[in-house]
Amino acid sequence: MEYAINDKLEWIMIFVYEFAKKFNMDMKQAFNYLYKFKGIEFLDKNYGYVHTQSFTSMVNDITEYCQKQGGNL
């Protein structure tokens, strides 16, 4: 299924905000971390699934994913 780019962008920006809030980062720091450790790529490729989950659950899952890619929080 194809999703509107605006819907994906809006959801990903809210996700970055929630991620930043959890780790006491600003939005730029959170985005850079997620981009560097492939979290943004994962969210984009798997949007069909991730946008149906709670932000809390996905923040935890993406944190774990990024750590497996070398991220350290």
N, C-alpha and C. Protein backbone atom coordinates (compact mmCIF):
# COMPACT_ATOMS: atom_id res chain seq x y z
N MET A 1 0.85 -1.19 0.00
CA MET A 1 0.00 0.00 0.00
C MET A 1 0.89 1.25 0.00
N GLU A 2 0.53 2.21 -0.80
CA GLU A 2 1.27 3.46 -0.89
C GLU A 2 0.66 4.48 0.06
N TYR A 3 1.53 5.20 0.77
CA TYR A 3 1.08 6.21 1.74
C TYR A 3 1.49 7.59 1.25
N ALA A 4 0.68 8.58 1.59
CA ALA A 4 0.99 9.96 1.22
C ALA A 4 2.26 10.41 1.94
N ILE A 5 3.15 11.06 1.21
CA ILE A 5 4.42 11.51 1.77
C ILE A 5 4.19 12.45 2.96
N ASN A 6 3.16 13.28 2.89
CA ASN A 6 2.87 14.20 4.00
C ASN A 6 2.50 13.44 5.27
N ASP A 7 1.76 12.35 5.13
CA ASP A 7 1.39 11.55 6.29
C ASP A 7 2.63 10.91 6.92
N LYS A 8 3.51 10.38 6.07
CA LYS A 8 4.74 9.77 6.57
C LYS A 8 5.62 10.79 7.27
N LEU A 9 5.79 11.94 6.64
CA LEU A 9 6.64 12.97 7.23
C LEU A 9 6.09 13.46 8.56
N GLU A 10 4.79 13.67 8.60
CA GLU A 10 4.17 14.12 9.85
C GLU A 10 4.37 13.09 10.96
N TRP A 11 4.14 11.82 10.66
CA TRP A 11 4.29 10.78 11.67
C TRP A 11 5.74 10.68 12.12
N ILE A 12 6.68 10.73 11.18
CA ILE A 12 8.10 10.62 11.55
C ILE A 12 8.54 11.82 12.39
N MET A 13 8.06 13.02 12.08
CA MET A 13 8.42 14.18 12.89
C MET A 13 7.87 14.07 14.30
N ILE A 14 6.65 13.56 14.45
CA ILE A 14 6.11 13.35 15.80
C ILE A 14 6.94 12.29 16.51
N PHE A 15 7.34 11.26 15.79
CA PHE A 15 8.19 10.22 16.38
C PHE A 15 9.51 10.83 16.87
N VAL A 16 10.15 11.65 16.05
CA VAL A 16 11.41 12.28 16.44
C VAL A 16 11.20 13.12 17.69
N TYR A 17 10.09 13.84 17.76
CA TYR A 17 9.77 14.63 18.95
C TYR A 17 9.66 13.75 20.19
N GLU A 18 8.94 12.63 20.07
CA GLU A 18 8.77 11.71 21.20
C GLU A 18 10.10 11.08 21.61
N PHE A 19 10.93 10.74 20.63
CA PHE A 19 12.25 10.18 20.90
C PHE A 19 13.11 11.21 21.62
N ALA A 20 13.09 12.45 21.13
CA ALA A 20 13.87 13.53 21.75
C ALA A 20 13.43 13.76 23.19
N LYS A 21 12.13 13.76 23.41
CA LYS A 21 11.59 13.98 24.76
C LYS A 21 12.06 12.89 25.71
N LYS A 22 12.03 11.64 25.27
CA LYS A 22 12.43 10.53 26.14
C LYS A 22 13.89 10.65 26.56
N PHE A 23 14.75 11.09 25.65
CA PHE A 23 16.18 11.12 25.92
C PHE A 23 16.72 12.53 26.19
N ASN A 24 15.83 13.47 26.49
CA ASN A 24 16.21 14.84 26.82
C ASN A 24 17.13 15.45 25.77
N MET A 25 16.76 15.30 24.51
CA MET A 25 17.50 15.87 23.39
C MET A 25 16.65 16.94 22.74
N ASP A 26 17.29 17.77 21.92
CA ASP A 26 16.47 18.63 21.08
C ASP A 26 16.17 17.86 19.79
N MET A 27 15.29 18.39 18.98
CA MET A 27 14.85 17.69 17.77
C MET A 27 16.00 17.41 16.82
N LYS A 28 16.91 18.35 16.68
CA LYS A 28 18.04 18.16 15.77
C LYS A 28 18.93 17.01 16.24
N GLN A 29 19.23 16.97 17.52
CA GLN A 29 20.06 15.89 18.06
C GLN A 29 19.38 14.54 17.84
N ALA A 30 18.10 14.49 18.13
CA ALA A 30 17.36 13.23 17.97
C ALA A 30 17.34 12.79 16.51
N PHE A 31 17.05 13.72 15.61
CA PHE A 31 17.03 13.37 14.19
C PHE A 31 18.40 12.88 13.73
N ASN A 32 19.45 13.59 14.11
CA ASN A 32 20.80 13.20 13.70
C ASN A 32 21.16 11.81 14.20
N TYR A 33 20.81 11.51 15.45
CA TYR A 33 21.07 10.18 16.00
C TYR A 33 20.30 9.13 15.22
N LEU A 34 19.01 9.36 15.02
CA LEU A 34 18.17 8.40 14.30
C LEU A 34 18.62 8.22 12.86
N TYR A 35 19.07 9.28 12.24
CA TYR A 35 19.56 9.19 10.86
C TYR A 35 20.86 8.40 10.81
N LYS A 36 21.78 8.73 11.70
CA LYS A 36 23.11 8.09 11.71
C LYS A 36 23.01 6.59 11.95
N PHE A 37 22.11 6.18 12.83
CA PHE A 37 22.02 4.78 13.20
C PHE A 37 20.83 4.07 12.55
N LYS A 38 20.39 4.62 11.42
CA LYS A 38 19.43 3.98 10.51
C LYS A 38 18.00 3.88 11.02
N GLY A 39 17.67 4.61 12.09
CA GLY A 39 16.31 4.60 12.61
C GLY A 39 15.32 5.25 11.65
N ILE A 40 15.71 6.37 11.06
CA ILE A 40 14.83 7.06 10.11
C ILE A 40 14.58 6.17 8.90
N GLU A 41 15.62 5.54 8.41
CA GLU A 41 15.48 4.62 7.27
C GLU A 41 14.52 3.48 7.60
N PHE A 42 14.67 2.93 8.80
CA PHE A 42 13.78 1.85 9.24
C PHE A 42 12.33 2.32 9.29
N LEU A 43 12.11 3.49 9.87
CA LEU A 43 10.75 4.03 9.97
C LEU A 43 10.14 4.26 8.60
N ASP A 44 10.94 4.79 7.69
CA ASP A 44 10.46 5.05 6.33
C ASP A 44 10.10 3.75 5.62
N LYS A 45 10.98 2.79 5.66
CA LYS A 45 10.75 1.53 4.95
C LYS A 45 9.62 0.70 5.55
N ASN A 46 9.39 0.86 6.84
CA ASN A 46 8.41 0.03 7.55
C ASN A 46 7.22 0.84 8.06
N TYR A 47 6.97 1.97 7.42
CA TYR A 47 5.90 2.87 7.87
C TYR A 47 4.55 2.16 7.98
N GLY A 48 4.25 1.27 7.06
CA GLY A 48 2.98 0.56 7.08
C GLY A 48 2.71 -0.13 8.40
N TYR A 49 3.76 -0.61 9.04
CA TYR A 49 3.63 -1.27 10.34
C TYR A 49 3.80 -0.27 11.49
N VAL A 50 4.89 0.50 11.45
CA VAL A 50 5.24 1.31 12.62
C VAL A 50 4.18 2.35 12.95
N HIS A 51 3.49 2.90 11.95
CA HIS A 51 2.53 3.96 12.26
C HIS A 51 1.26 3.40 12.93
N THR A 52 1.13 2.09 12.99
CA THR A 52 -0.01 1.50 13.68
C THR A 52 0.29 1.18 15.15
N GLN A 53 1.55 1.37 15.53
CA GLN A 53 1.97 1.07 16.90
C GLN A 53 1.99 2.35 17.74
N SER A 54 2.03 2.20 19.04
CA SER A 54 2.11 3.37 19.92
C SER A 54 3.49 4.00 19.80
N PHE A 55 3.56 5.30 20.02
CA PHE A 55 4.85 5.97 19.97
C PHE A 55 5.77 5.43 21.06
N THR A 56 5.24 5.16 22.23
CA THR A 56 6.05 4.61 23.32
C THR A 56 6.69 3.30 22.91
N SER A 57 5.92 2.42 22.35
CA SER A 57 6.43 1.13 21.91
C SER A 57 7.48 1.30 20.82
N MET A 58 7.20 2.16 19.85
CA MET A 58 8.14 2.34 18.75
C MET A 58 9.41 3.05 19.19
N VAL A 59 9.33 3.99 20.11
CA VAL A 59 10.54 4.63 20.63
C VAL A 59 11.43 3.56 21.27
N ASN A 60 10.84 2.69 22.05
CA ASN A 60 11.62 1.62 22.67
C ASN A 60 12.23 0.68 21.63
N ASP A 61 11.44 0.30 20.64
CA ASP A 61 11.91 -0.61 19.61
C ASP A 61 13.00 0.03 18.74
N ILE A 62 12.82 1.27 18.35
CA ILE A 62 13.81 1.93 17.51
C ILE A 62 15.08 2.23 18.30
N THR A 63 14.95 2.49 19.58
CA THR A 63 16.13 2.66 20.43
C THR A 63 16.98 1.39 20.40
N GLU A 64 16.33 0.27 20.57
CA GLU A 64 17.02 -1.01 20.52
C GLU A 64 17.63 -1.26 19.14
N TYR A 65 16.89 -0.96 18.10
CA TYR A 65 17.38 -1.13 16.73
C TYR A 65 18.64 -0.28 16.50
N CYS A 66 18.58 0.99 16.89
CA CYS A 66 19.73 1.90 16.71
C CYS A 66 20.94 1.42 17.51
N GLN A 67 20.70 0.89 18.69
CA GLN A 67 21.81 0.37 19.48
C GLN A 67 22.48 -0.81 18.78
N LYS A 68 21.69 -1.62 18.11
CA LYS A 68 22.26 -2.74 17.35
C LYS A 68 23.05 -2.25 16.14
N GLN A 69 22.77 -1.01 15.70
CA GLN A 69 23.49 -0.42 14.58
C GLN A 69 24.71 0.38 15.06
N GLY A 70 24.98 0.34 16.36
CA GLY A 70 26.14 1.03 16.92
C GLY A 70 25.83 2.25 17.75
N GLY A 71 24.56 2.62 17.85
CA GLY A 71 24.18 3.78 18.65
C GLY A 71 24.33 3.49 20.14
N ASN A 72 24.60 4.52 20.89
CA ASN A 72 24.80 4.35 22.33
C ASN A 72 24.10 5.48 23.06
N LEU A 73 23.00 5.16 23.71
CA LEU A 73 22.28 6.16 24.51
C LEU A 73 22.33 5.77 25.96
